Amino acid sequence: MHRYCGPGLALTLLLGTAQTVAQTAAAGLSLDEVVQQTLRGNPNIELQEHRVEASAGEVQAALGEFDPTFNMSAERSRDYTPLRPSEAAVVDEFLTDRTALRMDVSKPLRNGIVIGPEVVVSRIHGTEQDAADLEVATTGAVNFVIRAPLLRGWGEEVTGATLAVAELNHRAARYEFSHTVAQSVQASLINYWNYLFTLENLDIARESEQRVIRLEQQISRLVAADELPVAQLSLVRANLAEKIAQRASAEQALIAARQQLGLSLGLNYRAAHNLRPPSQNFPAVSAELLSQAEDLGRLVERGLEQRLDLGALNIRQEAAARAQAAARSALKPQFDLSLRLGYGNLVEGHGVGGYVDVLGDAQAGPNVGVTLSYQQPLNNNTARGQLRQQSAIYEQTVVQRRALAETIGANVTTAASQLLQSAAQVRESERSAALYLQSVEDESLRHRLGQATLIDVITVQDRYAAALLGTLQYRLNYATALAQLLFETGMLVVPGENTEGSVVRLDFFKAAS
């Protein structure tokens, strides 16, 4: 079942640490702050919120099809009729003055029938009435009109299709909003971990540089004392130049990572430049999560059940099917039955009040009228083209839904595998780094005793630095895979039962000690 959390959501954070706000503020940028700022400032969330509002406008516009409509028209005319020679001998001109007023209210019903009252008032005076010595007369009719479509346009499935499609698309847009929230939170988390990675990578680069600087100082003293040849000092200085270049590269990577995190948080470049360092370490490897990652079938099933973008496509496919059915109905001819029931009245006199008095008590009636109207375009290209268009749109949604379902399955499989592999790599790389640290100490001692060359010392130190960087990279890979897996399975941001709240599962990211 797909559940939705709409715009303006009040977000609940399940935190994996017990730090207070004051503690996190003092220590650095917390995950809680990253999530909250993402919701406040991420432009993708804001754009999707506007799309939801636009779809709500489409629903309101579609409701307008069933609004009562008031129509009024007024006419004042004077016509001169050409005379026959015999008539010209009797009268100089044949004049007709006509004044008419028409008002009606029409109310479309959901089944296609249109009902409403109608009032028609007219006054005619001219040569003909004068010749007959007739008083000016005002006639009026009050009718109730019912128009029912017998073929095209009959039934709520057809007449209500525009509204139903708009409501479904609005619901889909709300699902897509929640999916965008999950996407944005995922991106911010990954950028947060990458920011942490570049900071620690810079620390490793700086420590590696300082280690070579200390070695260069030691070798310089030994060369000055003629205990070592100058060639060894050149070797150390070459290695130091390499470390300086690596540190500069790490500094540039930090700037890029900080700016990238700022973009996902919706910050400008100045605010991004002043972002505090992360307060939380990389998430610890969780045996429980690894156990879940091994149950691939269940993870894929969960993704297909909980991914809101897939839920949105299911809804849009239903909307496309409704639109296709309505377009197919439009192929039918327009064959309508109109019924009219009312009464008429007549009032003599020139006064303006006659236009009102004529609507009083009935003098004639009841008047009854029945009209059948038929219309059918000979080629019917408009209806056929619309059906063709709606059928193609429906097929597009079918293909998109199938492709997304397959993509979810593939992405869940990849993320689960990456999580398992990176967890194993973290364990082995930590063990490798510890062993290399011991090797650095051993090799330095052997060098002082004359049992190892300077190249041996530099080689072991470089391998130790590489092992530290590898451990850092594998921790980043694990954090990224975890965020990716939670997103792909719909578990990262879990929508609430209504539009008032949602849960970001930060408890999955408990920091390593």
Protein backbone atom coordinates (compact mmCIF):
# COMPACT_ATOMS: atom_id res chain seq x y z
CA MET A 1 0.00 0.00 0.00
CA HIS A 2 1.29 3.41 -0.96
CA ARG A 3 0.81 6.14 1.60
CA TYR A 4 1.23 9.84 1.06
CA CYS A 5 2.62 12.73 3.01
CA GLY A 6 1.87 16.00 1.31
CA PRO A 7 3.32 19.50 1.14
CA GLY A 8 3.85 21.27 4.39
CA LEU A 9 4.59 18.01 6.17
CA ALA A 10 5.59 18.01 9.81
CA LEU A 11 8.59 15.71 9.79
CA THR A 12 9.48 13.27 12.54
CA LEU A 13 13.10 12.26 12.83
CA LEU A 14 14.01 8.92 14.38
CA LEU A 15 17.48 9.72 15.65
CA GLY A 16 20.12 7.18 16.38
CA THR A 17 22.04 9.33 18.87
CA ALA A 18 21.09 11.05 22.08
CA GLN A 19 22.85 14.34 21.44
CA THR A 20 21.09 17.53 22.47
CA VAL A 21 20.69 20.45 20.09
CA ALA A 22 23.30 22.40 22.02
CA GLN A 23 25.75 19.52 21.79
CA THR A 24 25.27 19.06 18.05
CA ALA A 25 25.51 22.78 17.42
CA ALA A 26 28.77 22.95 19.32
CA ALA A 27 30.19 19.82 17.69
CA GLY A 28 29.21 20.58 14.10
CA LEU A 29 26.52 19.99 11.53
CA SER A 30 24.16 17.19 12.53
CA LEU A 31 22.07 14.89 10.36
CA ASP A 32 18.96 16.35 11.96
CA GLU A 33 19.94 19.84 10.81
CA VAL A 34 20.74 18.57 7.32
CA VAL A 35 17.31 16.96 6.95
CA GLN A 36 15.44 19.98 8.28
CA GLN A 37 17.35 22.39 6.04
CA THR A 38 16.74 20.11 3.06
CA LEU A 39 12.99 20.31 3.66
CA ARG A 40 13.13 24.07 4.09
CA GLY A 41 15.43 24.99 1.24
CA ASN A 42 15.78 22.25 -1.37
CA PRO A 43 14.51 23.71 -4.67
CA ASN A 44 13.29 20.35 -6.00
CA ILE A 45 10.90 20.02 -3.07
CA GLU A 46 9.66 23.55 -3.62
CA LEU A 47 9.14 22.91 -7.34
CA GLN A 48 7.19 19.74 -6.66
CA GLU A 49 5.05 21.57 -4.11
CA HIS A 50 4.10 24.06 -6.84
CA ARG A 51 3.25 21.15 -9.14
CA VAL A 52 0.89 19.80 -6.47
CA GLU A 53 -0.76 23.20 -6.26
CA ALA A 54 -1.07 23.35 -10.05
CA SER A 55 -2.76 19.94 -10.08
CA ALA A 56 -5.16 21.17 -7.39
CA GLY A 57 -6.00 24.03 -9.75
CA GLU A 58 -6.76 21.49 -12.48
CA VAL A 59 -9.22 19.76 -10.15
CA GLN A 60 -10.93 23.06 -9.40
CA ALA A 61 -11.13 23.88 -13.10
CA ALA A 62 -12.63 20.45 -13.83
CA LEU A 63 -15.26 21.00 -11.13
CA GLY A 64 -16.32 24.05 -13.13
CA GLU A 65 -17.86 21.77 -15.75
CA PHE A 66 -20.71 21.13 -13.31
CA ASP A 67 -21.17 24.73 -12.17
CA PRO A 68 -24.60 26.31 -12.83
CA THR A 69 -24.37 28.90 -15.59
CA PHE A 70 -26.49 32.04 -15.84
CA ASN A 71 -27.10 33.31 -19.37
CA MET A 72 -28.81 36.52 -20.40
CA SER A 73 -29.30 38.25 -23.73
CA ALA A 74 -31.20 41.39 -24.74
CA GLU A 75 -32.20 42.49 -28.21
CA ARG A 76 -33.61 45.74 -29.65
CA SER A 77 -34.28 45.89 -33.39
CA ARG A 78 -36.18 47.96 -35.99
CA ASP A 79 -36.77 46.36 -39.37
CA TYR A 80 -38.25 47.87 -42.54
CA THR A 81 -39.88 45.35 -44.84
CA PRO A 82 -39.94 46.11 -48.59
CA LEU A 83 -43.47 46.77 -49.90
CA ARG A 84 -45.26 45.43 -52.98
CA PRO A 85 -46.66 48.09 -55.30
CA SER A 86 -50.16 47.27 -54.15
CA GLU A 87 -49.08 47.65 -50.48
CA ALA A 88 -47.28 50.93 -51.17
CA ALA A 89 -50.56 52.45 -52.24
CA VAL A 90 -51.95 51.76 -48.77
CA VAL A 91 -49.00 52.47 -46.40
CA ASP A 92 -45.81 54.46 -46.74
CA GLU A 93 -43.65 51.88 -44.94
CA PHE A 94 -43.87 48.54 -43.17
CA LEU A 95 -42.06 48.88 -39.82
CA THR A 96 -41.47 46.32 -37.05
CA ASP A 97 -40.02 47.29 -33.67
CA ARG A 98 -38.92 44.34 -31.53
CA THR A 99 -37.57 44.21 -27.98
CA ALA A 100 -36.61 40.85 -26.45
CA LEU A 101 -35.02 39.60 -23.25
CA ARG A 102 -33.91 36.05 -22.56
CA MET A 103 -32.55 34.61 -19.31
CA ASP A 104 -31.79 31.04 -18.31
CA VAL A 105 -29.85 29.02 -15.77
CA SER A 106 -28.37 25.69 -16.84
CA LYS A 107 -27.03 23.08 -14.44
CA PRO A 108 -25.03 20.13 -15.87
CA LEU A 109 -25.46 16.93 -13.87
CA ARG A 110 -22.84 14.23 -13.45
CA ASN A 111 -24.80 11.85 -15.70
CA GLY A 112 -24.72 14.27 -18.65
CA ILE A 113 -28.23 15.71 -18.32
CA VAL A 114 -28.52 19.50 -18.31
CA ILE A 115 -31.50 21.09 -16.52
CA GLY A 116 -32.61 24.62 -15.79
CA PRO A 117 -35.32 27.30 -16.01
CA GLU A 118 -35.73 29.65 -18.94
CA VAL A 119 -37.52 33.00 -19.22
CA VAL A 120 -38.26 34.71 -22.55
CA VAL A 121 -39.92 38.13 -22.80
CA SER A 122 -40.58 39.98 -26.07
CA ARG A 123 -42.52 43.03 -27.27
CA ILE A 124 -43.33 43.61 -30.95
CA HIS A 125 -44.97 46.72 -32.37
CA GLY A 126 -45.19 48.13 -35.84
CA THR A 127 -47.19 48.82 -38.95
CA GLU A 128 -49.04 45.51 -38.84
CA GLN A 129 -50.31 46.11 -35.29
CA ASP A 130 -51.30 49.71 -36.10
CA ALA A 131 -53.24 48.60 -39.18
CA ALA A 132 -55.15 46.08 -37.07
CA ASP A 133 -55.67 48.68 -34.33
CA LEU A 134 -54.00 46.36 -31.79
CA GLU A 135 -52.54 47.56 -28.49
CA VAL A 136 -48.82 47.07 -27.91
CA ALA A 137 -48.43 43.62 -26.36
CA THR A 138 -45.66 42.04 -24.33
CA THR A 139 -45.47 38.25 -24.41
CA GLY A 140 -43.58 36.08 -21.96
CA ALA A 141 -42.82 32.43 -21.44
CA VAL A 142 -41.45 30.60 -18.43
CA ASN A 143 -40.09 27.13 -19.19
CA PHE A 144 -38.18 24.34 -17.52
CA VAL A 145 -35.81 22.65 -19.94
CA ILE A 146 -34.21 19.22 -19.74
CA ARG A 147 -31.58 18.14 -22.26
CA ALA A 148 -30.43 14.53 -22.13
CA PRO A 149 -27.70 13.01 -24.33
CA LEU A 150 -28.78 9.62 -25.64
CA LEU A 151 -25.46 8.52 -27.14
CA ARG A 152 -22.31 10.62 -26.79
CA GLY A 153 -21.95 12.33 -23.44
CA TRP A 154 -24.23 10.03 -21.45
CA GLY A 155 -23.19 8.64 -18.07
CA GLU A 156 -20.93 9.76 -15.25
CA GLU A 157 -18.08 7.61 -16.56
CA VAL A 158 -17.94 9.93 -19.57
CA THR A 159 -19.08 13.33 -18.32
CA GLY A 160 -17.12 13.01 -15.09
CA ALA A 161 -13.95 11.79 -16.80
CA THR A 162 -12.25 15.19 -16.86
CA LEU A 163 -12.81 15.67 -13.13
CA ALA A 164 -11.85 12.07 -12.30
CA VAL A 165 -8.64 12.35 -14.31
CA ALA A 166 -7.77 15.67 -12.64
CA GLU A 167 -8.38 14.21 -9.17
CA LEU A 168 -6.23 11.17 -9.95
CA ASN A 169 -3.44 13.35 -11.34
CA HIS A 170 -3.61 15.53 -8.22
CA ARG A 171 -3.27 12.44 -6.05
CA ALA A 172 -0.34 11.27 -8.17
CA ALA A 173 1.32 14.68 -7.81
CA ARG A 174 1.07 14.39 -4.04
CA TYR A 175 2.72 10.97 -4.18
CA GLU A 176 5.44 12.44 -6.37
CA PHE A 177 5.93 15.21 -3.83
CA SER A 178 6.67 12.66 -1.09
CA HIS A 179 8.98 10.81 -3.47
CA THR A 180 10.82 14.06 -4.17
CA VAL A 181 11.23 14.57 -0.43
CA ALA A 182 12.81 11.11 -0.18
CA GLN A 183 15.08 11.81 -3.17
CA SER A 184 16.20 15.13 -1.74
CA VAL A 185 16.87 13.69 1.72
CA GLN A 186 18.85 10.85 0.16
CA ALA A 187 20.96 13.29 -1.86
CA SER A 188 21.63 15.44 1.19
CA LEU A 189 22.67 12.42 3.27
CA ILE A 190 25.06 11.21 0.57
CA ASN A 191 26.48 14.72 0.20
CA TYR A 192 26.83 14.91 3.99
CA TRP A 193 28.87 11.70 4.06
CA ASN A 194 30.94 12.88 1.11
CA TYR A 195 31.61 16.14 2.97
CA LEU A 196 32.78 14.10 5.95
CA PHE A 197 34.90 11.94 3.64
CA THR A 198 36.71 14.93 2.13
CA LEU A 199 37.37 16.39 5.59
CA GLU A 200 38.90 13.17 6.85
CA ASN A 201 40.70 12.65 3.56
CA LEU A 202 42.25 16.09 4.04
CA ASP A 203 43.30 15.10 7.56
CA ILE A 204 44.98 11.98 6.17
CA ALA A 205 46.71 14.02 3.46
CA ARG A 206 47.94 16.57 5.99
CA GLU A 207 49.15 13.91 8.40
CA SER A 208 50.94 12.12 5.57
CA GLU A 209 52.56 15.39 4.56
CA GLN A 210 53.64 16.11 8.15
CA ARG A 211 55.05 12.62 8.49
CA VAL A 212 57.25 13.18 5.43
CA ILE A 213 58.24 16.63 6.72
CA ARG A 214 59.44 15.06 9.98
CA LEU A 215 61.28 12.39 8.02
CA GLU A 216 62.87 15.05 5.81
CA GLN A 217 64.08 16.91 8.91
CA GLN A 218 65.58 13.73 10.33
CA ILE A 219 67.32 12.88 7.07
CA SER A 220 68.61 16.46 6.74
CA ARG A 221 70.29 16.24 10.12
CA LEU A 222 71.85 12.88 9.22
CA VAL A 223 73.07 14.19 5.87
CA ALA A 224 74.53 17.27 7.56
CA ALA A 225 76.38 14.93 9.92
CA ASP A 226 77.68 12.92 6.94
CA GLU A 227 75.84 9.84 8.20
CA LEU A 228 73.68 9.51 5.08
CA PRO A 229 74.30 10.36 1.42
CA VAL A 230 72.62 13.45 -0.10
CA ALA A 231 70.76 11.22 -2.57
CA GLN A 232 68.49 10.00 0.20
CA LEU A 233 67.53 13.58 1.04
CA SER A 234 66.52 14.13 -2.60
CA LEU A 235 64.32 11.06 -2.45
CA VAL A 236 62.55 12.32 0.66
CA ARG A 237 62.04 15.79 -0.82
CA ALA A 238 60.55 14.29 -3.98
CA ASN A 239 58.14 12.33 -1.81
CA LEU A 240 57.30 15.51 0.14
CA ALA A 241 56.46 17.37 -3.07
CA GLU A 242 54.08 14.58 -3.97
CA LYS A 243 52.40 14.78 -0.55
CA ILE A 244 51.99 18.56 -0.85
CA ALA A 245 50.25 18.10 -4.21
CA GLN A 246 47.98 15.43 -2.73
CA ARG A 247 47.06 17.71 0.18
CA ALA A 248 46.21 20.55 -2.22
CA SER A 249 44.00 18.20 -4.20
CA ALA A 250 42.26 17.12 -0.98
CA GLU A 251 41.62 20.76 -0.08
CA GLN A 252 39.99 21.36 -3.46
CA ALA A 253 37.84 18.24 -3.05
CA LEU A 254 36.66 19.57 0.32
CA ILE A 255 35.57 22.87 -1.24
CA ALA A 256 33.62 21.04 -3.96
CA ALA A 257 31.96 18.67 -1.46
CA ARG A 258 30.94 21.53 0.82
CA GLN A 259 29.39 23.44 -2.07
CA GLN A 260 27.57 20.32 -3.29
CA LEU A 261 26.04 19.79 0.14
CA GLY A 262 25.04 23.44 0.19
CA LEU A 263 23.22 23.03 -3.13
CA SER A 264 21.18 20.09 -1.84
CA LEU A 265 20.31 22.14 1.26
CA GLY A 266 19.18 25.09 -0.85
CA LEU A 267 21.97 27.40 0.36
CA ASN A 268 23.81 30.01 -1.65
CA TYR A 269 27.55 29.67 -2.17
CA ARG A 270 28.43 31.98 0.75
CA ALA A 271 26.32 30.04 3.24
CA ALA A 272 27.64 26.76 1.84
CA HIS A 273 31.23 27.96 2.29
CA ASN A 274 30.51 28.55 5.99
CA LEU A 275 28.97 25.15 6.66
CA ARG A 276 30.21 23.60 9.88
CA PRO A 277 32.00 20.26 9.79
CA PRO A 278 29.78 17.18 10.24
CA SER A 279 29.16 16.23 13.85
CA GLN A 280 28.37 12.57 13.16
CA ASN A 281 30.75 9.86 12.09
CA PHE A 282 30.03 7.37 9.34
CA PRO A 283 27.29 4.87 10.27
CA ALA A 284 28.45 1.72 12.00
CA VAL A 285 28.12 -1.58 10.16
CA SER A 286 24.88 -3.13 11.40
CA ALA A 287 24.53 -6.90 11.53
CA GLU A 288 20.73 -6.51 11.51
CA LEU A 289 20.79 -4.44 8.33
CA LEU A 290 23.20 -6.85 6.68
CA SER A 291 20.85 -9.70 7.52
CA GLN A 292 17.98 -7.83 5.87
CA ALA A 293 20.13 -7.08 2.83
CA GLU A 294 20.65 -10.81 2.32
CA ASP A 295 16.87 -11.31 1.91
CA LEU A 296 16.86 -9.81 -1.58
CA GLY A 297 13.40 -11.02 -2.55
CA ARG A 298 11.79 -9.33 0.42
CA LEU A 299 13.68 -6.09 -0.23
CA VAL A 300 12.53 -5.96 -3.86
CA GLU A 301 8.97 -6.72 -2.80
CA ARG A 302 9.11 -3.95 -0.24
CA GLY A 303 10.42 -1.49 -2.83
CA LEU A 304 7.57 -2.34 -5.21
CA GLU A 305 5.07 -1.87 -2.37
CA GLN A 306 6.44 1.32 -0.82
CA ARG A 307 8.06 3.38 -3.58
CA LEU A 308 5.77 6.37 -4.03
CA ASP A 309 6.96 7.16 -7.55
CA LEU A 310 5.71 3.71 -8.57
CA GLY A 311 2.48 4.42 -6.70
CA ALA A 312 2.17 7.68 -8.61
CA LEU A 313 2.59 5.85 -11.93
CA ASN A 314 -0.11 3.36 -10.91
CA ILE A 315 -2.46 6.30 -10.35
CA ARG A 316 -1.48 8.01 -13.59
CA GLN A 317 -2.09 4.76 -15.44
CA GLU A 318 -5.60 4.65 -13.96
CA ALA A 319 -6.14 8.28 -14.99
CA ALA A 320 -4.97 7.52 -18.52
CA ALA A 321 -7.41 4.59 -18.70
CA ARG A 322 -10.29 6.88 -17.67
CA ALA A 323 -9.31 9.45 -20.30
CA GLN A 324 -9.04 6.72 -22.93
CA ALA A 325 -12.53 5.43 -22.12
CA ALA A 326 -13.97 8.95 -22.39
CA ALA A 327 -12.23 9.48 -25.74
CA ARG A 328 -13.66 6.20 -27.03
CA SER A 329 -17.17 7.30 -26.05
CA ALA A 330 -16.67 10.53 -28.01
CA LEU A 331 -16.67 8.47 -31.22
CA LYS A 332 -20.45 8.11 -30.87
CA PRO A 333 -22.80 10.52 -32.64
CA GLN A 334 -24.29 13.42 -30.73
CA PHE A 335 -27.98 12.48 -30.31
CA ASP A 336 -29.81 14.59 -27.74
CA LEU A 337 -33.36 14.74 -26.44
CA SER A 338 -34.66 18.09 -25.17
CA LEU A 339 -37.90 18.46 -23.18
CA ARG A 340 -39.56 21.80 -22.49
CA LEU A 341 -42.46 22.40 -20.09
CA GLY A 342 -43.84 25.86 -19.26
CA TYR A 343 -46.52 28.48 -19.68
CA GLY A 344 -47.05 31.71 -21.59
CA ASN A 345 -48.61 35.08 -20.83
CA LEU A 346 -49.49 38.34 -22.58
CA VAL A 347 -49.80 41.88 -21.21
CA GLU A 348 -50.96 44.89 -23.22
CA GLY A 349 -49.54 48.38 -22.80
CA HIS A 350 -46.48 50.48 -23.50
CA GLY A 351 -45.24 50.62 -19.89
CA VAL A 352 -41.98 49.18 -18.69
CA GLY A 353 -43.89 47.29 -16.04
CA GLY A 354 -45.24 45.04 -18.73
CA TYR A 355 -41.90 43.26 -18.91
CA VAL A 356 -42.41 42.17 -15.29
CA ASP A 357 -46.17 41.69 -15.23
CA VAL A 358 -46.01 39.30 -18.14
CA LEU A 359 -44.26 36.79 -15.85
CA GLY A 360 -47.27 36.69 -13.53
CA ASP A 361 -50.19 34.30 -13.67
CA ALA A 362 -50.28 31.97 -16.62
CA GLN A 363 -52.79 32.70 -19.37
CA ALA A 364 -51.80 29.85 -21.67
CA GLY A 365 -50.35 26.46 -21.07
CA PRO A 366 -48.96 24.16 -20.09
CA ASN A 367 -46.66 24.41 -23.08
CA VAL A 368 -44.80 21.24 -23.97
CA GLY A 369 -41.98 20.81 -26.46
CA VAL A 370 -39.83 17.88 -27.52
CA THR A 371 -36.71 18.23 -29.66
CA LEU A 372 -34.46 15.57 -31.05
CA SER A 373 -31.11 16.69 -32.43
CA TYR A 374 -28.50 14.61 -34.19
CA GLN A 375 -24.96 15.51 -35.17
CA GLN A 376 -22.19 13.36 -36.56
CA PRO A 377 -18.98 14.61 -38.21
CA LEU A 378 -18.58 12.66 -41.42
CA ASN A 379 -14.92 11.79 -40.95
CA ASN A 380 -14.88 12.24 -37.18
CA ASN A 381 -11.16 13.05 -37.25
CA THR A 382 -11.24 15.06 -34.03
CA ALA A 383 -12.67 12.21 -31.95
CA ARG A 384 -10.50 9.61 -33.64
CA GLY A 385 -7.39 11.70 -33.14
CA GLN A 386 -8.17 12.26 -29.46
CA LEU A 387 -8.71 8.53 -28.93
CA ARG A 388 -5.44 7.81 -30.68
CA GLN A 389 -3.69 10.35 -28.47
CA GLN A 390 -5.20 9.05 -25.22
CA SER A 391 -4.44 5.44 -26.16
CA ALA A 392 -0.80 6.35 -26.74
CA ILE A 393 -0.65 8.16 -23.40
CA TYR A 394 -2.07 5.10 -21.66
CA GLU A 395 0.46 2.81 -23.31
CA GLN A 396 3.23 5.21 -22.25
CA THR A 397 2.20 4.90 -18.61
CA VAL A 398 2.14 1.11 -18.92
CA VAL A 399 5.68 1.08 -20.30
CA GLN A 400 6.89 3.64 -17.73
CA ARG A 401 5.44 1.63 -14.86
CA ARG A 402 6.96 -1.62 -16.09
CA ALA A 403 10.34 0.03 -16.64
CA LEU A 404 10.31 1.66 -13.21
CA ALA A 405 9.41 -1.62 -11.51
CA GLU A 406 12.33 -3.31 -13.28
CA THR A 407 14.63 -0.41 -12.37
CA ILE A 408 13.62 -0.65 -8.72
CA GLY A 409 14.41 -4.36 -8.71
CA ALA A 410 17.80 -3.78 -10.34
CA ASN A 411 18.69 -0.87 -8.06
CA VAL A 412 17.67 -2.74 -4.91
CA THR A 413 19.81 -5.69 -6.00
CA THR A 414 22.81 -3.43 -6.68
CA ALA A 415 22.44 -1.44 -3.45
CA ALA A 416 22.04 -4.58 -1.33
CA SER A 417 25.12 -6.14 -2.90
CA GLN A 418 27.10 -2.92 -2.44
CA LEU A 419 26.04 -2.74 1.21
CA LEU A 420 27.21 -6.29 1.88
CA GLN A 421 30.46 -5.85 -0.04
CA SER A 422 31.32 -2.49 1.49
CA ALA A 423 30.63 -3.83 4.99
CA ALA A 424 33.14 -6.62 4.39
CA GLN A 425 35.59 -4.14 2.89
CA VAL A 426 35.28 -1.86 5.95
CA ARG A 427 36.19 -4.73 8.27
CA GLU A 428 39.16 -5.88 6.19
CA SER A 429 40.45 -2.36 5.49
CA GLU A 430 40.39 -1.49 9.20
CA ARG A 431 42.40 -4.63 9.90
CA SER A 432 44.80 -3.74 7.06
CA ALA A 433 45.29 -0.18 8.37
CA ALA A 434 46.09 -1.47 11.88
CA LEU A 435 48.68 -3.88 10.49
CA TYR A 436 50.25 -1.18 8.29
CA LEU A 437 50.49 1.16 11.29
CA GLN A 438 52.48 -1.48 13.11
CA SER A 439 54.59 -1.98 9.98
CA VAL A 440 55.39 1.77 9.86
CA GLU A 441 56.68 1.66 13.42
CA ASP A 442 58.66 -1.53 12.75
CA GLU A 443 60.17 -0.25 9.52
CA SER A 444 61.18 3.05 11.11
CA LEU A 445 62.96 1.14 13.87
CA ARG A 446 64.70 -1.11 11.34
CA HIS A 447 65.83 1.97 9.39
CA ARG A 448 67.35 3.51 12.49
CA LEU A 449 69.16 0.23 13.09
CA GLY A 450 70.41 0.21 9.51
CA GLN A 451 68.37 -2.87 8.58
CA ALA A 452 65.97 -1.10 6.15
CA THR A 453 66.42 1.47 3.44
CA LEU A 454 64.76 4.84 3.25
CA ILE A 455 62.73 3.59 0.32
CA ASP A 456 61.38 0.83 2.54
CA VAL A 457 60.24 3.40 5.11
CA ILE A 458 58.60 5.64 2.50
CA THR A 459 56.90 2.67 0.85
CA VAL A 460 55.39 1.43 4.11
CA GLN A 461 54.26 4.93 5.08
CA ASP A 462 52.57 5.35 1.69
CA ARG A 463 50.86 2.01 2.06
CA TYR A 464 49.63 2.99 5.50
CA ALA A 465 48.22 6.25 4.12
CA ALA A 466 46.58 4.31 1.29
CA ALA A 467 45.10 1.86 3.81
CA LEU A 468 43.63 4.75 5.83
CA LEU A 469 42.19 6.29 2.69
CA GLY A 470 40.82 2.91 1.62
CA THR A 471 39.10 2.46 4.97
CA LEU A 472 37.63 5.92 4.63
CA GLN A 473 36.44 5.18 1.10
CA TYR A 474 34.81 1.91 2.14
CA ARG A 475 33.02 3.65 5.01
CA LEU A 476 31.72 6.21 2.54
CA ASN A 477 30.66 3.40 0.22
CA TYR A 478 28.80 1.71 3.08
CA ALA A 479 27.00 4.93 4.07
CA THR A 480 26.10 5.65 0.44
CA ALA A 481 24.88 2.09 -0.16
CA LEU A 482 22.81 2.24 3.03
CA ALA A 483 21.13 5.50 1.99
CA GLN A 484 20.58 4.12 -1.51
CA LEU A 485 19.09 0.85 -0.27
CA LEU A 486 16.74 2.61 2.14
CA PHE A 487 15.63 4.94 -0.63
CA GLU A 488 15.14 2.20 -3.24
CA THR A 489 13.02 0.15 -0.83
CA GLY A 490 10.94 3.14 0.28
CA MET A 491 12.20 2.95 3.87
CA LEU A 492 14.23 6.15 4.06
CA VAL A 493 11.25 8.48 4.33
CA VAL A 494 8.12 6.66 5.44
CA PRO A 495 4.90 8.62 4.73
CA GLY A 496 2.40 8.96 7.53
CA GLU A 497 -1.19 7.77 7.51
CA ASN A 498 -2.32 11.30 6.57
CA THR A 499 -0.82 14.50 5.25
CA GLU A 500 0.29 15.74 8.65
CA GLY A 501 3.52 13.87 9.16
CA SER A 502 6.25 11.59 7.95
CA VAL A 503 9.23 9.79 9.40
CA VAL A 504 12.85 10.07 8.23
CA ARG A 505 14.62 6.94 9.41
CA LEU A 506 17.83 8.44 10.74
CA ASP A 507 17.99 5.64 13.31
CA PHE A 508 19.51 3.47 10.55
CA PHE A 509 22.55 5.77 10.54
CA LYS A 510 23.84 5.19 14.07
CA ALA A 511 27.39 6.46 14.11
CA ALA A 512 30.38 4.20 14.49
CA SER A 513 32.24 4.61 17.77
